[in-house]
Amino acid sequence: MATNPQNQAEGNYDPAGSTQMFRAFVDEGGTPQTGGRRAPAPAQSAGPRIGLIVGIAVAVVVVAAAVWLAVA
């Protein structure tokens, strides 16, 4: 791990070196070295959305049935 003598003098020594590595990353500009290409975003499936709609419909039916039983 790279150590930064400046941080040791200040008493902020990080034995894991993660702080120094983060600062080095920020100082480099934080640009990824992937050649400028981005992976295409995955298409969203309708599965979770359909499940949410069905779940809400079931909850409304259950609440309506409970109210009907309470009134009857």
PDB file of N, CA and C in Angstrom:
ATOM      1  N   MET A   1       0.830  -1.174   0.000  1.00  0.00           N
ATOM      2  CA  MET A   1       0.000   0.000   0.000  1.00  0.00           C
ATOM      3  C   MET A   1       0.877   1.240   0.000  1.00  0.00           C
ATOM      4  N   ALA A   2       0.411   2.232  -0.673  1.00  0.00           N
ATOM      5  CA  ALA A   2       1.140   3.491  -0.723  1.00  0.00           C
ATOM      6  C   ALA A   2       0.836   4.291   0.532  1.00  0.00           C
ATOM      7  N   THR A   3       1.871   4.826   1.127  1.00  0.00           N
ATOM      8  CA  THR A   3       1.674   5.667   2.305  1.00  0.00           C
ATOM      9  C   THR A   3       1.996   7.093   1.932  1.00  0.00           C
ATOM     10  N   ASN A   4       1.299   7.995   2.561  1.00  0.00           N
ATOM     11  CA  ASN A   4       1.487   9.405   2.302  1.00  0.00           C
ATOM     12  C   ASN A   4       2.165  10.022   3.518  1.00  0.00           C
ATOM     13  N   PRO A   5       3.433  10.409   3.415  1.00  0.00           N
ATOM     14  CA  PRO A   5       4.133  10.961   4.581  1.00  0.00           C
ATOM     15  C   PRO A   5       3.486  12.240   5.093  1.00  0.00           C
ATOM     16  N   GLN A   6       2.796  12.969   4.263  1.00  0.00           N
ATOM     17  CA  GLN A   6       2.143  14.188   4.710  1.00  0.00           C
ATOM     18  C   GLN A   6       1.064  13.860   5.738  1.00  0.00           C
ATOM     19  N   ASN A   7       0.290  12.795   5.505  1.00  0.00           N
ATOM     20  CA  ASN A   7      -0.744  12.412   6.458  1.00  0.00           C
ATOM     21  C   ASN A   7      -0.160  11.859   7.743  1.00  0.00           C
ATOM     22  N   GLN A   8       0.990  11.211   7.669  1.00  0.00           N
ATOM     23  CA  GLN A   8       1.618  10.690   8.867  1.00  0.00           C
ATOM     24  C   GLN A   8       2.065  11.834   9.765  1.00  0.00           C
ATOM     25  N   ALA A   9       2.538  12.913   9.173  1.00  0.00           N
ATOM     26  CA  ALA A   9       2.993  14.047   9.964  1.00  0.00           C
ATOM     27  C   ALA A   9       1.816  14.726  10.648  1.00  0.00           C
ATOM     28  N   GLU A  10       0.647  14.697  10.035  1.00  0.00           N
ATOM     29  CA  GLU A  10      -0.524  15.319  10.622  1.00  0.00           C
ATOM     30  C   GLU A  10      -1.206  14.421  11.646  1.00  0.00           C
ATOM     31  N   GLY A  11      -0.819  13.165  11.716  1.00  0.00           N
ATOM     32  CA  GLY A  11      -1.461  12.235  12.633  1.00  0.00           C
ATOM     33  C   GLY A  11      -2.702  11.598  12.051  1.00  0.00           C
ATOM     34  N   ASN A  12      -2.900  11.693  10.753  1.00  0.00           N
ATOM     35  CA  ASN A  12      -4.072  11.122  10.096  1.00  0.00           C
ATOM     36  C   ASN A  12      -3.702   9.877   9.304  1.00  0.00           C
ATOM     37  N   TYR A  13      -2.814   9.069   9.813  1.00  0.00           N
ATOM     38  CA  TYR A  13      -2.356   7.889   9.097  1.00  0.00           C
ATOM     39  C   TYR A  13      -3.460   6.852   9.039  1.00  0.00           C
ATOM     40  N   ASP A  14      -3.722   6.365   7.838  1.00  0.00           N
ATOM     41  CA  ASP A  14      -4.727   5.334   7.620  1.00  0.00           C
ATOM     42  C   ASP A  14      -4.001   4.024   7.350  1.00  0.00           C
ATOM     43  N   PRO A  15      -3.998   3.079   8.300  1.00  0.00           N
ATOM     44  CA  PRO A  15      -3.226   1.855   8.099  1.00  0.00           C
ATOM     45  C   PRO A  15      -3.699   1.025   6.913  1.00  0.00           C
ATOM     46  N   ALA A  16      -4.967   1.117   6.539  1.00  0.00           N
ATOM     47  CA  ALA A  16      -5.463   0.353   5.401  1.00  0.00           C
ATOM     48  C   ALA A  16      -5.108   1.030   4.089  1.00  0.00           C
ATOM     49  N   GLY A  17      -4.805   2.305   4.120  1.00  0.00           N
ATOM     50  CA  GLY A  17      -4.436   3.029   2.919  1.00  0.00           C
ATOM     51  C   GLY A  17      -5.620   3.447   2.063  1.00  0.00           C
ATOM     52  N   SER A  18      -6.842   3.245   2.544  1.00  0.00           N
ATOM     53  CA  SER A  18      -7.999   3.553   1.710  1.00  0.00           C
ATOM     54  C   SER A  18      -8.170   5.051   1.503  1.00  0.00           C
ATOM     55  N   THR A  19      -7.865   5.830   2.513  1.00  0.00           N
ATOM     56  CA  THR A  19      -8.008   7.280   2.357  1.00  0.00           C
ATOM     57  C   THR A  19      -7.019   7.803   1.330  1.00  0.00           C
ATOM     58  N   GLN A  20      -5.789   7.326   1.408  1.00  0.00           N
ATOM     59  CA  GLN A  20      -4.783   7.773   0.455  1.00  0.00           C
ATOM     60  C   GLN A  20      -5.146   7.330  -0.959  1.00  0.00           C
ATOM     61  N   MET A  21      -5.667   6.130  -1.094  1.00  0.00           N
ATOM     62  CA  MET A  21      -6.042   5.635  -2.413  1.00  0.00           C
ATOM     63  C   MET A  21      -7.208   6.448  -2.971  1.00  0.00           C
ATOM     64  N   PHE A  22      -8.160   6.827  -2.105  1.00  0.00           N
ATOM     65  CA  PHE A  22      -9.278   7.641  -2.554  1.00  0.00           C
ATOM     66  C   PHE A  22      -8.797   9.012  -3.010  1.00  0.00           C
ATOM     67  N   ARG A  23      -7.921   9.616  -2.234  1.00  0.00           N
ATOM     68  CA  ARG A  23      -7.401  10.928  -2.613  1.00  0.00           C
ATOM     69  C   ARG A  23      -6.626  10.853  -3.926  1.00  0.00           C
ATOM     70  N   ALA A  24      -5.879   9.778  -4.133  1.00  0.00           N
ATOM     71  CA  ALA A  24      -5.153   9.626  -5.393  1.00  0.00           C
ATOM     72  C   ALA A  24      -6.134   9.481  -6.547  1.00  0.00           C
ATOM     73  N   PHE A  25      -7.231   8.773  -6.328  1.00  0.00           N
ATOM     74  CA  PHE A  25      -8.248   8.619  -7.364  1.00  0.00           C
ATOM     75  C   PHE A  25      -8.882   9.964  -7.704  1.00  0.00           C
ATOM     76  N   VAL A  26      -9.206  10.754  -6.686  1.00  0.00           N
ATOM     77  CA  VAL A  26      -9.821  12.056  -6.914  1.00  0.00           C
ATOM     78  C   VAL A  26      -8.839  12.984  -7.619  1.00  0.00           C
ATOM     79  N   ASP A  27      -7.563  12.922  -7.231  1.00  0.00           N
ATOM     80  CA  ASP A  27      -6.563  13.781  -7.853  1.00  0.00           C
ATOM     81  C   ASP A  27      -6.366  13.443  -9.326  1.00  0.00           C
ATOM     82  N   GLU A  28      -6.589  12.177  -9.714  1.00  0.00           N
ATOM     83  CA  GLU A  28      -6.453  11.783 -11.113  1.00  0.00           C
ATOM     84  C   GLU A  28      -7.617  12.275 -11.958  1.00  0.00           C
ATOM     85  N   GLY A  29      -8.664  12.733 -11.339  1.00  0.00           N
ATOM     86  CA  GLY A  29      -9.821  13.222 -12.078  1.00  0.00           C
ATOM     87  C   GLY A  29     -10.994  12.274 -12.013  1.00  0.00           C
ATOM     88  N   GLY A  30     -10.788  11.058 -11.560  1.00  0.00           N
ATOM     89  CA  GLY A  30     -11.877  10.115 -11.394  1.00  0.00           C
ATOM     90  C   GLY A  30     -12.469   9.613 -12.700  1.00  0.00           C
ATOM     91  N   THR A  31     -11.717   9.686 -13.794  1.00  0.00           N
ATOM     92  CA  THR A  31     -12.247   9.215 -15.064  1.00  0.00           C
ATOM     93  C   THR A  31     -11.975   7.728 -15.214  1.00  0.00           C
ATOM     94  N   PRO A  32     -12.975   6.954 -15.593  1.00  0.00           N
ATOM     95  CA  PRO A  32     -12.744   5.521 -15.786  1.00  0.00           C
ATOM     96  C   PRO A  32     -11.907   5.283 -17.039  1.00  0.00           C
ATOM     97  N   GLN A  33     -11.111   4.243 -17.029  1.00  0.00           N
ATOM     98  CA  GLN A  33     -10.230   3.909 -18.136  1.00  0.00           C
ATOM     99  C   GLN A  33     -10.842   2.813 -18.997  1.00  0.00           C
ATOM    100  N   THR A  34     -12.065   3.019 -19.471  1.00  0.00           N
ATOM    101  CA  THR A  34     -12.760   1.983 -20.233  1.00  0.00           C
ATOM    102  C   THR A  34     -12.759   2.266 -21.726  1.00  0.00           C
ATOM    103  N   GLY A  35     -12.049   3.262 -22.173  1.00  0.00           N
ATOM    104  CA  GLY A  35     -12.006   3.559 -23.588  1.00  0.00           C
ATOM    105  C   GLY A  35     -13.170   4.419 -24.055  1.00  0.00           C
ATOM    106  N   GLY A  36     -13.942   4.962 -23.144  1.00  0.00           N
ATOM    107  CA  GLY A  36     -15.028   5.853 -23.503  1.00  0.00           C
ATOM    108  C   GLY A  36     -16.316   5.157 -23.884  1.00  0.00           C
ATOM    109  N   ARG A  37     -16.367   3.851 -23.852  1.00  0.00           N
ATOM    110  CA  ARG A  37     -17.600   3.141 -24.190  1.00  0.00           C
ATOM    111  C   ARG A  37     -18.398   2.878 -22.929  1.00  0.00           C
ATOM    112  N   ARG A  38     -19.698   2.946 -23.098  1.00  0.00           N
ATOM    113  CA  ARG A  38     -20.587   2.628 -21.987  1.00  0.00           C
ATOM    114  C   ARG A  38     -21.383   1.380 -22.338  1.00  0.00           C
ATOM    115  N   ALA A  39     -21.663   0.597 -21.336  1.00  0.00           N
ATOM    116  CA  ALA A  39     -22.496  -0.582 -21.554  1.00  0.00           C
ATOM    117  C   ALA A  39     -23.934  -0.121 -21.753  1.00  0.00           C
ATOM    118  N   PRO A  40     -24.679  -0.745 -22.656  1.00  0.00           N
ATOM    119  CA  PRO A  40     -26.069  -0.339 -22.855  1.00  0.00           C
ATOM    120  C   PRO A  40     -26.898  -0.646 -21.607  1.00  0.00           C
ATOM    121  N   ALA A  41     -27.828   0.235 -21.332  1.00  0.00           N
ATOM    122  CA  ALA A  41     -28.686   0.045 -20.167  1.00  0.00           C
ATOM    123  C   ALA A  41     -29.599  -1.148 -20.404  1.00  0.00           C
ATOM    124  N   PRO A  42     -29.766  -2.001 -19.394  1.00  0.00           N
ATOM    125  CA  PRO A  42     -30.649  -3.151 -19.583  1.00  0.00           C
ATOM    126  C   PRO A  42     -32.098  -2.697 -19.703  1.00  0.00           C
ATOM    127  N   ALA A  43     -32.833  -3.379 -20.556  1.00  0.00           N
ATOM    128  CA  ALA A  43     -34.253  -3.056 -20.733  1.00  0.00           C
ATOM    129  C   ALA A  43     -35.018  -3.487 -19.495  1.00  0.00           C
ATOM    130  N   GLN A  44     -35.931  -2.636 -19.054  1.00  0.00           N
ATOM    131  CA  GLN A  44     -36.716  -2.975 -17.877  1.00  0.00           C
ATOM    132  C   GLN A  44     -37.829  -3.936 -18.267  1.00  0.00           C
ATOM    133  N   SER A  45     -37.973  -4.968 -17.449  1.00  0.00           N
ATOM    134  CA  SER A  45     -39.049  -5.913 -17.711  1.00  0.00           C
ATOM    135  C   SER A  45     -40.309  -5.437 -17.006  1.00  0.00           C
ATOM    136  N   ALA A  46     -41.436  -5.890 -17.487  1.00  0.00           N
ATOM    137  CA  ALA A  46     -42.710  -5.492 -16.899  1.00  0.00           C
ATOM    138  C   ALA A  46     -43.061  -6.347 -15.693  1.00  0.00           C
ATOM    139  N   GLY A  47     -42.232  -7.333 -15.366  1.00  0.00           N
ATOM    140  CA  GLY A  47     -42.535  -8.240 -14.261  1.00  0.00           C
ATOM    141  C   GLY A  47     -42.745  -7.556 -12.926  1.00  0.00           C
ATOM    142  N   PRO A  48     -41.785  -6.782 -12.449  1.00  0.00           N
ATOM    143  CA  PRO A  48     -41.973  -6.138 -11.144  1.00  0.00           C
ATOM    144  C   PRO A  48     -43.138  -5.140 -11.144  1.00  0.00           C
ATOM    145  N   ARG A  49     -43.350  -4.459 -12.248  1.00  0.00           N
ATOM    146  CA  ARG A  49     -44.440  -3.482 -12.319  1.00  0.00           C
ATOM    147  C   ARG A  49     -45.781  -4.195 -12.255  1.00  0.00           C
ATOM    148  N   ILE A  50     -45.926  -5.299 -12.962  1.00  0.00           N
ATOM    149  CA  ILE A  50     -47.177  -6.068 -12.936  1.00  0.00           C
ATOM    150  C   ILE A  50     -47.417  -6.616 -11.534  1.00  0.00           C
ATOM    151  N   GLY A  51     -46.366  -7.095 -10.909  1.00  0.00           N
ATOM    152  CA  GLY A  51     -46.493  -7.619  -9.541  1.00  0.00           C
ATOM    153  C   GLY A  51     -46.951  -6.547  -8.562  1.00  0.00           C
ATOM    154  N   LEU A  52     -46.454  -5.340  -8.728  1.00  0.00           N
ATOM    155  CA  LEU A  52     -46.857  -4.240  -7.856  1.00  0.00           C
ATOM    156  C   LEU A  52     -48.325  -3.896  -8.053  1.00  0.00           C
ATOM    157  N   ILE A  53     -48.755  -3.852  -9.301  1.00  0.00           N
ATOM    158  CA  ILE A  53     -50.161  -3.537  -9.592  1.00  0.00           C
ATOM    159  C   ILE A  53     -51.077  -4.614  -9.028  1.00  0.00           C
ATOM    160  N   VAL A  54     -50.708  -5.871  -9.217  1.00  0.00           N
ATOM    161  CA  VAL A  54     -51.524  -6.972  -8.691  1.00  0.00           C
ATOM    162  C   VAL A  54     -51.549  -6.931  -7.165  1.00  0.00           C
ATOM    163  N   GLY A  55     -50.425  -6.638  -6.546  1.00  0.00           N
ATOM    164  CA  GLY A  55     -50.372  -6.555  -5.083  1.00  0.00           C
ATOM    165  C   GLY A  55     -51.264  -5.454  -4.532  1.00  0.00           C
ATOM    166  N   ILE A  56     -51.256  -4.304  -5.188  1.00  0.00           N
ATOM    167  CA  ILE A  56     -52.116  -3.198  -4.744  1.00  0.00           C
ATOM    168  C   ILE A  56     -53.580  -3.563  -4.927  1.00  0.00           C
ATOM    169  N   ALA A  57     -53.906  -4.222  -6.044  1.00  0.00           N
ATOM    170  CA  ALA A  57     -55.297  -4.627  -6.285  1.00  0.00           C
ATOM    171  C   ALA A  57     -55.759  -5.620  -5.221  1.00  0.00           C
ATOM    172  N   VAL A  58     -54.911  -6.560  -4.876  1.00  0.00           N
ATOM    173  CA  VAL A  58     -55.262  -7.541  -3.841  1.00  0.00           C
ATOM    174  C   VAL A  58     -55.443  -6.839  -2.492  1.00  0.00           C
ATOM    175  N   ALA A  59     -54.589  -5.876  -2.177  1.00  0.00           N
ATOM    176  CA  ALA A  59     -54.716  -5.148  -0.916  1.00  0.00           C
ATOM    177  C   ALA A  59     -56.028  -4.372  -0.866  1.00  0.00           C
ATOM    178  N   VAL A  60     -56.428  -3.763  -1.974  1.00  0.00           N
ATOM    179  CA  VAL A  60     -57.691  -3.023  -2.012  1.00  0.00           C
ATOM    180  C   VAL A  60     -58.863  -3.972  -1.811  1.00  0.00           C
ATOM    181  N   VAL A  61     -58.805  -5.142  -2.431  1.00  0.00           N
ATOM    182  CA  VAL A  61     -59.892  -6.125  -2.273  1.00  0.00           C
ATOM    183  C   VAL A  61     -59.964  -6.602  -0.824  1.00  0.00           C
ATOM    184  N   VAL A  62     -58.829  -6.840  -0.203  1.00  0.00           N
ATOM    185  CA  VAL A  62     -58.819  -7.314   1.189  1.00  0.00           C
ATOM    186  C   VAL A  62     -59.376  -6.242   2.118  1.00  0.00           C
ATOM    187  N   VAL A  63     -58.983  -4.994   1.914  1.00  0.00           N
ATOM    188  CA  VAL A  63     -59.498  -3.906   2.763  1.00  0.00           C
ATOM    189  C   VAL A  63     -61.000  -3.733   2.539  1.00  0.00           C
ATOM    190  N   ALA A  64     -61.444  -3.812   1.276  1.00  0.00           N
ATOM    191  CA  ALA A  64     -62.875  -3.693   0.993  1.00  0.00           C
ATOM    192  C   ALA A  64     -63.651  -4.836   1.653  1.00  0.00           C
ATOM    193  N   ALA A  65     -63.116  -6.046   1.615  1.00  0.00           N
ATOM    194  CA  ALA A  65     -63.793  -7.182   2.246  1.00  0.00           C
ATOM    195  C   ALA A  65     -63.850  -7.003   3.772  1.00  0.00           C
ATOM    196  N   ALA A  66     -62.788  -6.481   4.365  1.00  0.00           N
ATOM    197  CA  ALA A  66     -62.780  -6.262   5.810  1.00  0.00           C
ATOM    198  C   ALA A  66     -63.798  -5.194   6.204  1.00  0.00           C
ATOM    199  N   VAL A  67     -63.906  -4.132   5.410  1.00  0.00           N
ATOM    200  CA  VAL A  67     -64.896  -3.086   5.687  1.00  0.00           C
ATOM    201  C   VAL A  67     -66.307  -3.645   5.516  1.00  0.00           C
ATOM    202  N   TRP A  68     -66.529  -4.446   4.479  1.00  0.00           N
ATOM    203  CA  TRP A  68     -67.841  -5.036   4.245  1.00  0.00           C
ATOM    204  C   TRP A  68     -68.242  -5.955   5.410  1.00  0.00           C
ATOM    205  N   LEU A  69     -67.271  -6.757   5.898  1.00  0.00           N
ATOM    206  CA  LEU A  69     -67.565  -7.640   7.033  1.00  0.00           C
ATOM    207  C   LEU A  69     -67.821  -6.854   8.315  1.00  0.00           C
ATOM    208  N   ALA A  70     -67.125  -5.731   8.489  1.00  0.00           N
ATOM    209  CA  ALA A  70     -67.319  -4.910   9.689  1.00  0.00           C
ATOM    210  C   ALA A  70     -68.684  -4.236   9.685  1.00  0.00           C
ATOM    211  N   VAL A  71     -69.152  -3.853   8.531  1.00  0.00           N
ATOM    212  CA  VAL A  71     -70.448  -3.152   8.427  1.00  0.00           C
ATOM    213  C   VAL A  71     -71.603  -4.138   8.485  1.00  0.00           C
ATOM    214  N   ALA A  72     -71.445  -5.298   7.897  1.00  0.00           N
ATOM    215  CA  ALA A  72     -72.520  -6.278   7.802  1.00  0.00           C
ATOM    216  C   ALA A  72     -72.863  -6.912   9.117  1.00  0.00           C
TER     217      ALA A  72
END
